[in-house]
Each structure stands twice: as structure tokens, then as C-alpha cells.
Amino acid sequence: MMVPVRVASFAALKPSSATRVMVDGHPIALVRIEDDVYAIGDICSHEKVSLSEGSVWDDERELECWKHGSTFSLLTGEPQSLPATKSVPVYRVIREGDDVMVVLS
């Protein structure tokens, strides 16, 4: 089991947006939707660009790649639209008070 790594304060994460963080060399997009925080690999599996620069789809719980419009499930990392066909990793998030932590596994 991996040790949780503190990556942000909850208050610093803007609602309905993504923030790029690095955890042990892994680029991760933290996505805040209301009181929930998701952690997903920040590199699009189709074009190798940063997903954290894309749009958050709150109702669908998806993050859209800004370059070609593929969306990825924040729950599974699976692409929900073309042109991406490969998933990106998702990570467990732990929130303790204002601390947001990510577990790499």
C-alpha cells in the first residue's frame, strides 16, 4: 500500500476546474466538483497534452482534452469520446479537513 501524499488544500482548488500537480514524477490533474475531488493522469492518451488545461464536465464527471475534445471519466479514466481510445490512470483521493492527498498505486 502506498502512502498518501498531500498535494493541495481543498480551499485552493477552484470548483469545476482542474489543477495540475506532480506526485513522485507523475503529472496528475486534480478536479474539484462541488465537495468531491478526483485525481486523474494529466496526460491525454491520444495526443500527450495536459488534461488539466481542459474543461470539466460536472454532471458527467468527465474531463475534456482541450486539443481534440476527447473526454475521460474521472471515475475510471476510460475515454468517453473519440479520438482517444486508451484510458488514463485514476488515483485514490483522501481528504482530511482542508488537506487533499493522493495515493499512487
PDB file of N, CA and C in Angstrom:
ATOM      1  N   MET A   1       0.851  -1.193   0.000  1.00  0.00           N
ATOM      2  CA  MET A   1       0.000   0.000   0.000  1.00  0.00           C
ATOM      3  C   MET A   1       0.883   1.237   0.000  1.00  0.00           C
ATOM      4  N   MET A   2       0.531   2.164  -0.824  1.00  0.00           N
ATOM      5  CA  MET A   2       1.302   3.395  -0.926  1.00  0.00           C
ATOM      6  C   MET A   2       0.850   4.392   0.144  1.00  0.00           C
ATOM      7  N   VAL A   3       1.742   5.280   0.491  1.00  0.00           N
ATOM      8  CA  VAL A   3       1.463   6.293   1.496  1.00  0.00           C
ATOM      9  C   VAL A   3       0.797   7.497   0.824  1.00  0.00           C
ATOM     10  N   PRO A   4      -0.274   8.037   1.424  1.00  0.00           N
ATOM     11  CA  PRO A   4      -0.907   9.226   0.845  1.00  0.00           C
ATOM     12  C   PRO A   4       0.065  10.411   0.838  1.00  0.00           C
ATOM     13  N   VAL A   5       0.028  11.176  -0.241  1.00  0.00           N
ATOM     14  CA  VAL A   5       0.877  12.357  -0.388  1.00  0.00           C
ATOM     15  C   VAL A   5      -0.024  13.588  -0.452  1.00  0.00           C
ATOM     16  N   ARG A   6       0.245  14.563   0.437  1.00  0.00           N
ATOM     17  CA  ARG A   6      -0.542  15.800   0.410  1.00  0.00           C
ATOM     18  C   ARG A   6      -0.176  16.577  -0.846  1.00  0.00           C
ATOM     19  N   VAL A   7      -1.203  16.976  -1.618  1.00  0.00           N
ATOM     20  CA  VAL A   7      -0.950  17.646  -2.887  1.00  0.00           C
ATOM     21  C   VAL A   7      -1.557  19.045  -2.968  1.00  0.00           C
ATOM     22  N   ALA A   8      -2.531  19.335  -2.107  1.00  0.00           N
ATOM     23  CA  ALA A   8      -3.195  20.641  -2.178  1.00  0.00           C
ATOM     24  C   ALA A   8      -4.075  20.852  -0.959  1.00  0.00           C
ATOM     25  N   SER A   9      -4.480  22.088  -0.800  1.00  0.00           N
ATOM     26  CA  SER A   9      -5.531  22.370   0.176  1.00  0.00           C
ATOM     27  C   SER A   9      -6.846  22.416  -0.596  1.00  0.00           C
ATOM     28  N   PHE A  10      -7.891  21.920   0.012  1.00  0.00           N
ATOM     29  CA  PHE A  10      -9.196  21.902  -0.640  1.00  0.00           C
ATOM     30  C   PHE A  10      -9.618  23.321  -1.017  1.00  0.00           C
ATOM     31  N   ALA A  11      -9.373  24.261  -0.130  1.00  0.00           N
ATOM     32  CA  ALA A  11      -9.773  25.656  -0.369  1.00  0.00           C
ATOM     33  C   ALA A  11      -9.085  26.253  -1.593  1.00  0.00           C
ATOM     34  N   ALA A  12      -7.906  25.756  -1.930  1.00  0.00           N
ATOM     35  CA  ALA A  12      -7.166  26.300  -3.078  1.00  0.00           C
ATOM     36  C   ALA A  12      -7.662  25.761  -4.408  1.00  0.00           C
ATOM     37  N   LEU A  13      -8.441  24.683  -4.384  1.00  0.00           N
ATOM     38  CA  LEU A  13      -8.955  24.098  -5.628  1.00  0.00           C
ATOM     39  C   LEU A  13     -10.240  24.804  -6.040  1.00  0.00           C
ATOM     40  N   LYS A  14     -10.252  25.361  -7.224  1.00  0.00           N
ATOM     41  CA  LYS A  14     -11.430  26.073  -7.709  1.00  0.00           C
ATOM     42  C   LYS A  14     -12.504  25.082  -8.135  1.00  0.00           C
ATOM     43  N   PRO A  15     -13.753  25.351  -7.780  1.00  0.00           N
ATOM     44  CA  PRO A  15     -14.845  24.460  -8.205  1.00  0.00           C
ATOM     45  C   PRO A  15     -14.933  24.377  -9.732  1.00  0.00           C
ATOM     46  N   SER A  16     -15.287  23.196 -10.212  1.00  0.00           N
ATOM     47  CA  SER A  16     -15.465  22.952 -11.651  1.00  0.00           C
ATOM     48  C   SER A  16     -14.219  23.250 -12.467  1.00  0.00           C
ATOM     49  N   SER A  17     -13.064  22.939 -11.893  1.00  0.00           N
ATOM     50  CA  SER A  17     -11.823  23.166 -12.625  1.00  0.00           C
ATOM     51  C   SER A  17     -10.808  22.093 -12.276  1.00  0.00           C
ATOM     52  N   ALA A  18      -9.741  22.049 -13.066  1.00  0.00           N
ATOM     53  CA  ALA A  18      -8.657  21.088 -12.859  1.00  0.00           C
ATOM     54  C   ALA A  18      -7.371  21.833 -12.538  1.00  0.00           C
ATOM     55  N   THR A  19      -6.563  21.224 -11.685  1.00  0.00           N
ATOM     56  CA  THR A  19      -5.279  21.787 -11.280  1.00  0.00           C
ATOM     57  C   THR A  19      -4.214  20.714 -11.444  1.00  0.00           C
ATOM     58  N   ARG A  20      -3.125  21.057 -12.098  1.00  0.00           N
ATOM     59  CA  ARG A  20      -2.032  20.095 -12.301  1.00  0.00           C
ATOM     60  C   ARG A  20      -1.128  20.075 -11.073  1.00  0.00           C
ATOM     61  N   VAL A  21      -0.807  18.854 -10.601  1.00  0.00           N
ATOM     62  CA  VAL A  21       0.161  18.659  -9.529  1.00  0.00           C
ATOM     63  C   VAL A  21       1.096  17.529  -9.952  1.00  0.00           C
ATOM     64  N   MET A  22       2.255  17.474  -9.326  1.00  0.00           N
ATOM     65  CA  MET A  22       3.193  16.385  -9.573  1.00  0.00           C
ATOM     66  C   MET A  22       3.332  15.571  -8.294  1.00  0.00           C
ATOM     67  N   VAL A  23       3.243  14.243  -8.423  1.00  0.00           N
ATOM     68  CA  VAL A  23       3.422  13.341  -7.293  1.00  0.00           C
ATOM     69  C   VAL A  23       4.441  12.290  -7.704  1.00  0.00           C
ATOM     70  N   ASP A  24       5.607  12.327  -7.092  1.00  0.00           N
ATOM     71  CA  ASP A  24       6.676  11.372  -7.406  1.00  0.00           C
ATOM     72  C   ASP A  24       6.913  11.252  -8.912  1.00  0.00           C
ATOM     73  N   GLY A  25       6.940  12.376  -9.594  1.00  0.00           N
ATOM     74  CA  GLY A  25       7.198  12.394 -11.032  1.00  0.00           C
ATOM     75  C   GLY A  25       6.000  12.101 -11.915  1.00  0.00           C
ATOM     76  N   HIS A  26       4.835  11.887 -11.316  1.00  0.00           N
ATOM     77  CA  HIS A  26       3.620  11.611 -12.078  1.00  0.00           C
ATOM     78  C   HIS A  26       2.782  12.889 -12.189  1.00  0.00           C
ATOM     79  N   PRO A  27       2.512  13.379 -13.412  1.00  0.00           N
ATOM     80  CA  PRO A  27       1.621  14.532 -13.557  1.00  0.00           C
ATOM     81  C   PRO A  27       0.174  14.089 -13.335  1.00  0.00           C
ATOM     82  N   ILE A  28      -0.498  14.782 -12.438  1.00  0.00           N
ATOM     83  CA  ILE A  28      -1.864  14.427 -12.060  1.00  0.00           C
ATOM     84  C   ILE A  28      -2.744  15.666 -12.144  1.00  0.00           C
ATOM     85  N   ALA A  29      -3.945  15.487 -12.682  1.00  0.00           N
ATOM     86  CA  ALA A  29      -4.939  16.560 -12.700  1.00  0.00           C
ATOM     87  C   ALA A  29      -5.882  16.334 -11.524  1.00  0.00           C
ATOM     88  N   LEU A  30      -5.927  17.301 -10.612  1.00  0.00           N
ATOM     89  CA  LEU A  30      -6.903  17.278  -9.521  1.00  0.00           C
ATOM     90  C   LEU A  30      -8.127  18.027 -10.005  1.00  0.00           C
ATOM     91  N   VAL A  31      -9.275  17.408  -9.895  1.00  0.00           N
ATOM     92  CA  VAL A  31     -10.508  18.019 -10.379  1.00  0.00           C
ATOM     93  C   VAL A  31     -11.483  18.136  -9.216  1.00  0.00           C
ATOM     94  N   ARG A  32     -11.921  19.369  -8.971  1.00  0.00           N
ATOM     95  CA  ARG A  32     -12.907  19.588  -7.912  1.00  0.00           C
ATOM     96  C   ARG A  32     -14.280  19.810  -8.538  1.00  0.00           C
ATOM     97  N   ILE A  33     -15.239  18.988  -8.080  1.00  0.00           N
ATOM     98  CA  ILE A  33     -16.642  19.159  -8.450  1.00  0.00           C
ATOM     99  C   ILE A  33     -17.415  19.198  -7.141  1.00  0.00           C
ATOM    100  N   GLU A  34     -17.933  20.370  -6.813  1.00  0.00           N
ATOM    101  CA  GLU A  34     -18.612  20.606  -5.541  1.00  0.00           C
ATOM    102  C   GLU A  34     -17.682  20.210  -4.397  1.00  0.00           C
ATOM    103  N   ASP A  35     -18.073  19.259  -3.545  1.00  0.00           N
ATOM    104  CA  ASP A  35     -17.242  18.847  -2.411  1.00  0.00           C
ATOM    105  C   ASP A  35     -16.370  17.637  -2.711  1.00  0.00           C
ATOM    106  N   ASP A  36     -16.397  17.147  -3.967  1.00  0.00           N
ATOM    107  CA  ASP A  36     -15.622  15.975  -4.351  1.00  0.00           C
ATOM    108  C   ASP A  36     -14.351  16.394  -5.085  1.00  0.00           C
ATOM    109  N   VAL A  37     -13.289  15.614  -4.871  1.00  0.00           N
ATOM    110  CA  VAL A  37     -12.037  15.829  -5.589  1.00  0.00           C
ATOM    111  C   VAL A  37     -11.645  14.511  -6.245  1.00  0.00           C
ATOM    112  N   TYR A  38     -11.258  14.582  -7.509  1.00  0.00           N
ATOM    113  CA  TYR A  38     -10.833  13.425  -8.286  1.00  0.00           C
ATOM    114  C   TYR A  38      -9.384  13.640  -8.719  1.00  0.00           C
ATOM    115  N   ALA A  39      -8.657  12.548  -8.881  1.00  0.00           N
ATOM    116  CA  ALA A  39      -7.272  12.610  -9.360  1.00  0.00           C
ATOM    117  C   ALA A  39      -7.151  11.680 -10.560  1.00  0.00           C
ATOM    118  N   ILE A  40      -6.705  12.250 -11.666  1.00  0.00           N
ATOM    119  CA  ILE A  40      -6.609  11.506 -12.920  1.00  0.00           C
ATOM    120  C   ILE A  40      -5.281  11.867 -13.578  1.00  0.00           C
ATOM    121  N   GLY A  41      -4.703  10.902 -14.292  1.00  0.00           N
ATOM    122  CA  GLY A  41      -3.462  11.198 -15.009  1.00  0.00           C
ATOM    123  C   GLY A  41      -3.635  12.425 -15.882  1.00  0.00           C
ATOM    124  N   ASP A  42      -2.660  13.317 -15.850  1.00  0.00           N
ATOM    125  CA  ASP A  42      -2.805  14.611 -16.525  1.00  0.00           C
ATOM    126  C   ASP A  42      -2.427  14.589 -17.998  1.00  0.00           C
ATOM    127  N   ILE A  43      -1.977  13.468 -18.508  1.00  0.00           N
ATOM    128  CA  ILE A  43      -1.537  13.427 -19.908  1.00  0.00           C
ATOM    129  C   ILE A  43      -2.553  12.652 -20.751  1.00  0.00           C
ATOM    130  N   CYS A  44      -3.095  13.325 -21.771  1.00  0.00           N
ATOM    131  CA  CYS A  44      -4.063  12.695 -22.672  1.00  0.00           C
ATOM    132  C   CYS A  44      -3.423  11.493 -23.364  1.00  0.00           C
ATOM    133  N   SER A  45      -4.140  10.391 -23.405  1.00  0.00           N
ATOM    134  CA  SER A  45      -3.608   9.173 -24.026  1.00  0.00           C
ATOM    135  C   SER A  45      -3.574   9.260 -25.552  1.00  0.00           C
ATOM    136  N   HIS A  46      -4.229  10.255 -26.120  1.00  0.00           N
ATOM    137  CA  HIS A  46      -4.258  10.393 -27.579  1.00  0.00           C
ATOM    138  C   HIS A  46      -3.149  11.290 -28.095  1.00  0.00           C
ATOM    139  N   GLU A  47      -2.976  12.454 -27.471  1.00  0.00           N
ATOM    140  CA  GLU A  47      -2.077  13.448 -28.051  1.00  0.00           C
ATOM    141  C   GLU A  47      -0.983  13.925 -27.097  1.00  0.00           C
ATOM    142  N   LYS A  48      -0.905  13.369 -25.903  1.00  0.00           N
ATOM    143  CA  LYS A  48       0.169  13.699 -24.951  1.00  0.00           C
ATOM    144  C   LYS A  48       0.192  15.180 -24.568  1.00  0.00           C
ATOM    145  N   VAL A  49      -0.992  15.760 -24.339  1.00  0.00           N
ATOM    146  CA  VAL A  49      -1.088  17.132 -23.852  1.00  0.00           C
ATOM    147  C   VAL A  49      -1.735  17.101 -22.463  1.00  0.00           C
ATOM    148  N   SER A  50      -1.610  18.203 -21.746  1.00  0.00           N
ATOM    149  CA  SER A  50      -2.108  18.287 -20.381  1.00  0.00           C
ATOM    150  C   SER A  50      -3.636  18.348 -20.335  1.00  0.00           C
ATOM    151  N   LEU A  51      -4.239  17.382 -19.642  1.00  0.00           N
ATOM    152  CA  LEU A  51      -5.699  17.381 -19.490  1.00  0.00           C
ATOM    153  C   LEU A  51      -6.174  18.477 -18.542  1.00  0.00           C
ATOM    154  N   SER A  52      -5.313  18.890 -17.620  1.00  0.00           N
ATOM    155  CA  SER A  52      -5.742  19.898 -16.645  1.00  0.00           C
ATOM    156  C   SER A  52      -6.029  21.253 -17.291  1.00  0.00           C
ATOM    157  N   GLU A  53      -5.641  21.419 -18.544  1.00  0.00           N
ATOM    158  CA  GLU A  53      -5.946  22.658 -19.266  1.00  0.00           C
ATOM    159  C   GLU A  53      -7.312  22.597 -19.941  1.00  0.00           C
ATOM    160  N   GLY A  54      -7.978  21.443 -19.846  1.00  0.00           N
ATOM    161  CA  GLY A  54      -9.274  21.264 -20.498  1.00  0.00           C
ATOM    162  C   GLY A  54     -10.446  21.629 -19.613  1.00  0.00           C
ATOM    163  N   SER A  55     -11.628  21.375 -20.117  1.00  0.00           N
ATOM    164  CA  SER A  55     -12.872  21.710 -19.423  1.00  0.00           C
ATOM    165  C   SER A  55     -13.359  20.552 -18.566  1.00  0.00           C
ATOM    166  N   VAL A  56     -13.957  20.910 -17.433  1.00  0.00           N
ATOM    167  CA  VAL A  56     -14.554  19.928 -16.541  1.00  0.00           C
ATOM    168  C   VAL A  56     -16.042  19.851 -16.841  1.00  0.00           C
ATOM    169  N   TRP A  57     -16.548  18.655 -17.028  1.00  0.00           N
ATOM    170  CA  TRP A  57     -17.976  18.423 -17.239  1.00  0.00           C
ATOM    171  C   TRP A  57     -18.531  17.874 -15.931  1.00  0.00           C
ATOM    172  N   ASP A  58     -19.093  18.760 -15.124  1.00  0.00           N
ATOM    173  CA  ASP A  58     -19.548  18.398 -13.775  1.00  0.00           C
ATOM    174  C   ASP A  58     -20.550  17.249 -13.765  1.00  0.00           C
ATOM    175  N   ASP A  59     -21.645  17.398 -14.502  1.00  0.00           N
ATOM    176  CA  ASP A  59     -22.718  16.399 -14.448  1.00  0.00           C
ATOM    177  C   ASP A  59     -22.253  15.023 -14.908  1.00  0.00           C
ATOM    178  N   GLU A  60     -21.366  14.992 -15.892  1.00  0.00           N
ATOM    179  CA  GLU A  60     -20.891  13.724 -16.447  1.00  0.00           C
ATOM    180  C   GLU A  60     -19.716  13.156 -15.664  1.00  0.00           C
ATOM    181  N   ARG A  61     -19.106  13.982 -14.803  1.00  0.00           N
ATOM    182  CA  ARG A  61     -17.886  13.600 -14.078  1.00  0.00           C
ATOM    183  C   ARG A  61     -16.802  13.211 -15.076  1.00  0.00           C
ATOM    184  N   GLU A  62     -16.541  14.168 -16.007  1.00  0.00           N
ATOM    185  CA  GLU A  62     -15.550  13.951 -17.055  1.00  0.00           C
ATOM    186  C   GLU A  62     -14.648  15.165 -17.199  1.00  0.00           C
ATOM    187  N   LEU A  63     -13.463  14.921 -17.740  1.00  0.00           N
ATOM    188  CA  LEU A  63     -12.509  15.973 -18.052  1.00  0.00           C
ATOM    189  C   LEU A  63     -12.228  15.918 -19.547  1.00  0.00           C
ATOM    190  N   GLU A  64     -12.360  17.069 -20.212  1.00  0.00           N
ATOM    191  CA  GLU A  64     -12.198  17.133 -21.662  1.00  0.00           C
ATOM    192  C   GLU A  64     -10.798  17.596 -22.033  1.00  0.00           C
ATOM    193  N   CYS A  65     -10.191  16.904 -22.973  1.00  0.00           N
ATOM    194  CA  CYS A  65      -8.904  17.329 -23.509  1.00  0.00           C
ATOM    195  C   CYS A  65      -9.129  18.551 -24.401  1.00  0.00           C
ATOM    196  N   TRP A  66      -8.363  19.590 -24.157  1.00  0.00           N
ATOM    197  CA  TRP A  66      -8.546  20.843 -24.886  1.00  0.00           C
ATOM    198  C   TRP A  66      -8.142  20.742 -26.357  1.00  0.00           C
ATOM    199  N   LYS A  67      -7.266  19.800 -26.699  1.00  0.00           N
ATOM    200  CA  LYS A  67      -6.740  19.779 -28.063  1.00  0.00           C
ATOM    201  C   LYS A  67      -7.691  19.159 -29.086  1.00  0.00           C
ATOM    202  N   HIS A  68      -8.263  17.991 -28.787  1.00  0.00           N
ATOM    203  CA  HIS A  68      -9.121  17.328 -29.764  1.00  0.00           C
ATOM    204  C   HIS A  68     -10.495  16.959 -29.222  1.00  0.00           C
ATOM    205  N   GLY A  69     -10.793  17.297 -27.963  1.00  0.00           N
ATOM    206  CA  GLY A  69     -12.142  17.119 -27.445  1.00  0.00           C
ATOM    207  C   GLY A  69     -12.484  15.778 -26.832  1.00  0.00           C
ATOM    208  N   SER A  70     -11.530  14.867 -26.736  1.00  0.00           N
ATOM    209  CA  SER A  70     -11.829  13.607 -26.047  1.00  0.00           C
ATOM    210  C   SER A  70     -12.157  13.905 -24.588  1.00  0.00           C
ATOM    211  N   THR A  71     -13.090  13.148 -24.023  1.00  0.00           N
ATOM    212  CA  THR A  71     -13.383  13.289 -22.605  1.00  0.00           C
ATOM    213  C   THR A  71     -13.021  11.990 -21.897  1.00  0.00           C
ATOM    214  N   PHE A  72     -12.627  12.121 -20.637  1.00  0.00           N
ATOM    215  CA  PHE A  72     -12.217  10.977 -19.831  1.00  0.00           C
ATOM    216  C   PHE A  72     -13.035  10.941 -18.548  1.00  0.00           C
ATOM    217  N   SER A  73     -13.485   9.750 -18.177  1.00  0.00           N
ATOM    218  CA  SER A  73     -14.223   9.566 -16.929  1.00  0.00           C
ATOM    219  C   SER A  73     -13.296   9.829 -15.748  1.00  0.00           C
ATOM    220  N   LEU A  74     -13.744  10.665 -14.821  1.00  0.00           N
ATOM    221  CA  LEU A  74     -12.965  10.919 -13.618  1.00  0.00           C
ATOM    222  C   LEU A  74     -13.013   9.730 -12.667  1.00  0.00           C
ATOM    223  N   LEU A  75     -13.971   8.843 -12.875  1.00  0.00           N
ATOM    224  CA  LEU A  75     -14.127   7.673 -12.005  1.00  0.00           C
ATOM    225  C   LEU A  75     -13.270   6.491 -12.455  1.00  0.00           C
ATOM    226  N   THR A  76     -13.140   6.306 -13.778  1.00  0.00           N
ATOM    227  CA  THR A  76     -12.442   5.125 -14.298  1.00  0.00           C
ATOM    228  C   THR A  76     -11.225   5.446 -15.158  1.00  0.00           C
ATOM    229  N   GLY A  77     -11.127   6.676 -15.683  1.00  0.00           N
ATOM    230  CA  GLY A  77     -10.055   7.039 -16.602  1.00  0.00           C
ATOM    231  C   GLY A  77     -10.315   6.626 -18.030  1.00  0.00           C
ATOM    232  N   GLU A  78     -11.436   5.940 -18.270  1.00  0.00           N
ATOM    233  CA  GLU A  78     -11.769   5.478 -19.622  1.00  0.00           C
ATOM    234  C   GLU A  78     -12.171   6.656 -20.508  1.00  0.00           C
ATOM    235  N   PRO A  79     -11.734   6.639 -21.783  1.00  0.00           N
ATOM    236  CA  PRO A  79     -12.181   7.681 -22.709  1.00  0.00           C
ATOM    237  C   PRO A  79     -13.672   7.525 -22.977  1.00  0.00           C
ATOM    238  N   GLN A  80     -14.376   8.641 -23.011  1.00  0.00           N
ATOM    239  CA  GLN A  80     -15.809   8.635 -23.249  1.00  0.00           C
ATOM    240  C   GLN A  80     -16.159   9.110 -24.646  1.00  0.00           C
ATOM    241  N   SER A  81     -15.148   9.618 -25.368  1.00  0.00           N
ATOM    242  CA  SER A  81     -15.368  10.068 -26.742  1.00  0.00           C
ATOM    243  C   SER A  81     -14.052   9.986 -27.512  1.00  0.00           C
ATOM    244  N   LEU A  82     -14.180   9.884 -28.822  1.00  0.00           N
ATOM    245  CA  LEU A  82     -13.016   9.838 -29.701  1.00  0.00           C
ATOM    246  C   LEU A  82     -12.407  11.229 -29.823  1.00  0.00           C
ATOM    247  N   PRO A  83     -11.170  11.350 -30.211  1.00  0.00           N
ATOM    248  CA  PRO A  83     -10.338  10.330 -30.816  1.00  0.00           C
ATOM    249  C   PRO A  83      -9.574   9.438 -29.827  1.00  0.00           C
ATOM    250  N   ALA A  84      -9.569   9.732 -28.536  1.00  0.00           N
ATOM    251  CA  ALA A  84      -8.842   8.883 -27.586  1.00  0.00           C
ATOM    252  C   ALA A  84      -9.501   7.506 -27.494  1.00  0.00           C
ATOM    253  N   THR A  85      -8.676   6.476 -27.416  1.00  0.00           N
ATOM    254  CA  THR A  85      -9.183   5.109 -27.278  1.00  0.00           C
ATOM    255  C   THR A  85      -8.559   4.382 -26.089  1.00  0.00           C
ATOM    256  N   LYS A  86      -7.544   4.973 -25.472  1.00  0.00           N
ATOM    257  CA  LYS A  86      -6.877   4.359 -24.328  1.00  0.00           C
ATOM    258  C   LYS A  86      -7.181   5.165 -23.064  1.00  0.00           C
ATOM    259  N   SER A  87      -7.309   4.448 -21.961  1.00  0.00           N
ATOM    260  CA  SER A  87      -7.616   5.111 -20.691  1.00  0.00           C
ATOM    261  C   SER A  87      -6.379   5.785 -20.110  1.00  0.00           C
ATOM    262  N   VAL A  88      -6.606   6.650 -19.152  1.00  0.00           N
ATOM    263  CA  VAL A  88      -5.549   7.279 -18.364  1.00  0.00           C
ATOM    264  C   VAL A  88      -5.733   6.806 -16.920  1.00  0.00           C
ATOM    265  N   PRO A  89      -4.679   6.828 -16.117  1.00  0.00           N
ATOM    266  CA  PRO A  89      -4.815   6.326 -14.748  1.00  0.00           C
ATOM    267  C   PRO A  89      -5.664   7.237 -13.871  1.00  0.00           C
ATOM    268  N   VAL A  90      -6.332   6.641 -12.908  1.00  0.00           N
ATOM    269  CA  VAL A  90      -7.022   7.394 -11.861  1.00  0.00           C
ATOM    270  C   VAL A  90      -6.392   6.996 -10.530  1.00  0.00           C
ATOM    271  N   TYR A  91      -6.456   7.896  -9.576  1.00  0.00           N
ATOM    272  CA  TYR A  91      -5.808   7.694  -8.290  1.00  0.00           C
ATOM    273  C   TYR A  91      -6.811   7.945  -7.164  1.00  0.00           C
ATOM    274  N   ARG A  92      -6.583   7.264  -6.057  1.00  0.00           N
ATOM    275  CA  ARG A  92      -7.443   7.442  -4.893  1.00  0.00           C
ATOM    276  C   ARG A  92      -7.118   8.773  -4.233  1.00  0.00           C
ATOM    277  N   VAL A  93      -8.172   9.499  -3.862  1.00  0.00           N
ATOM    278  CA  VAL A  93      -8.037  10.783  -3.178  1.00  0.00           C
ATOM    279  C   VAL A  93      -8.549  10.627  -1.757  1.00  0.00           C
ATOM    280  N   ILE A  94      -7.794  11.166  -0.819  1.00  0.00           N
ATOM    281  CA  ILE A  94      -8.204  11.206   0.576  1.00  0.00           C
ATOM    282  C   ILE A  94      -8.262  12.668   0.987  1.00  0.00           C
ATOM    283  N   ARG A  95      -9.350  13.039   1.621  1.00  0.00           N
ATOM    284  CA  ARG A  95      -9.493  14.413   2.101  1.00  0.00           C
ATOM    285  C   ARG A  95      -9.654  14.383   3.613  1.00  0.00           C
ATOM    286  N   GLU A  96      -8.738  15.058   4.297  1.00  0.00           N
ATOM    287  CA  GLU A  96      -8.801  15.190   5.749  1.00  0.00           C
ATOM    288  C   GLU A  96      -8.812  16.677   6.069  1.00  0.00           C
ATOM    289  N   GLY A  97      -9.994  17.167   6.439  1.00  0.00           N
ATOM    290  CA  GLY A  97     -10.116  18.603   6.659  1.00  0.00           C
ATOM    291  C   GLY A  97      -9.848  19.344   5.373  1.00  0.00           C
ATOM    292  N   ASP A  98      -8.872  20.250   5.413  1.00  0.00           N
ATOM    293  CA  ASP A  98      -8.523  21.027   4.218  1.00  0.00           C
ATOM    294  C   ASP A  98      -7.434  20.358   3.388  1.00  0.00           C
ATOM    295  N   ASP A  99      -6.849  19.288   3.874  1.00  0.00           N
ATOM    296  CA  ASP A  99      -5.775  18.595   3.162  1.00  0.00           C
ATOM    297  C   ASP A  99      -6.341  17.630   2.124  1.00  0.00           C
ATOM    298  N   VAL A 100      -5.814  17.715   0.898  1.00  0.00           N
ATOM    299  CA  VAL A 100      -6.162  16.785  -0.169  1.00  0.00           C
ATOM    300  C   VAL A 100      -4.918  15.942  -0.427  1.00  0.00           C
ATOM    301  N   MET A 101      -5.079  14.613  -0.331  1.00  0.00           N
ATOM    302  CA  MET A 101      -3.964  13.705  -0.526  1.00  0.00           C
ATOM    303  C   MET A 101      -4.284  12.713  -1.628  1.00  0.00           C
ATOM    304  N   VAL A 102      -3.248  12.285  -2.332  1.00  0.00           N
ATOM    305  CA  VAL A 102      -3.371  11.326  -3.414  1.00  0.00           C
ATOM    306  C   VAL A 102      -2.553  10.093  -3.064  1.00  0.00           C
ATOM    307  N   VAL A 103      -3.100   8.930  -3.402  1.00  0.00           N
ATOM    308  CA  VAL A 103      -2.387   7.670  -3.206  1.00  0.00           C
ATOM    309  C   VAL A 103      -2.063   7.095  -4.578  1.00  0.00           C
ATOM    310  N   LEU A 104      -0.770   6.933  -4.857  1.00  0.00           N
ATOM    311  CA  LEU A 104      -0.350   6.288  -6.101  1.00  0.00           C
ATOM    312  C   LEU A 104      -0.371   4.788  -5.872  1.00  0.00           C
ATOM    313  N   SER A 105      -0.931   4.060  -6.815  1.00  0.00           N
ATOM    314  CA  SER A 105      -0.937   2.599  -6.665  1.00  0.00           C
ATOM    315  C   SER A 105      -0.824   1.928  -8.005  1.00  0.00           C
TER     316      SER A 105
END
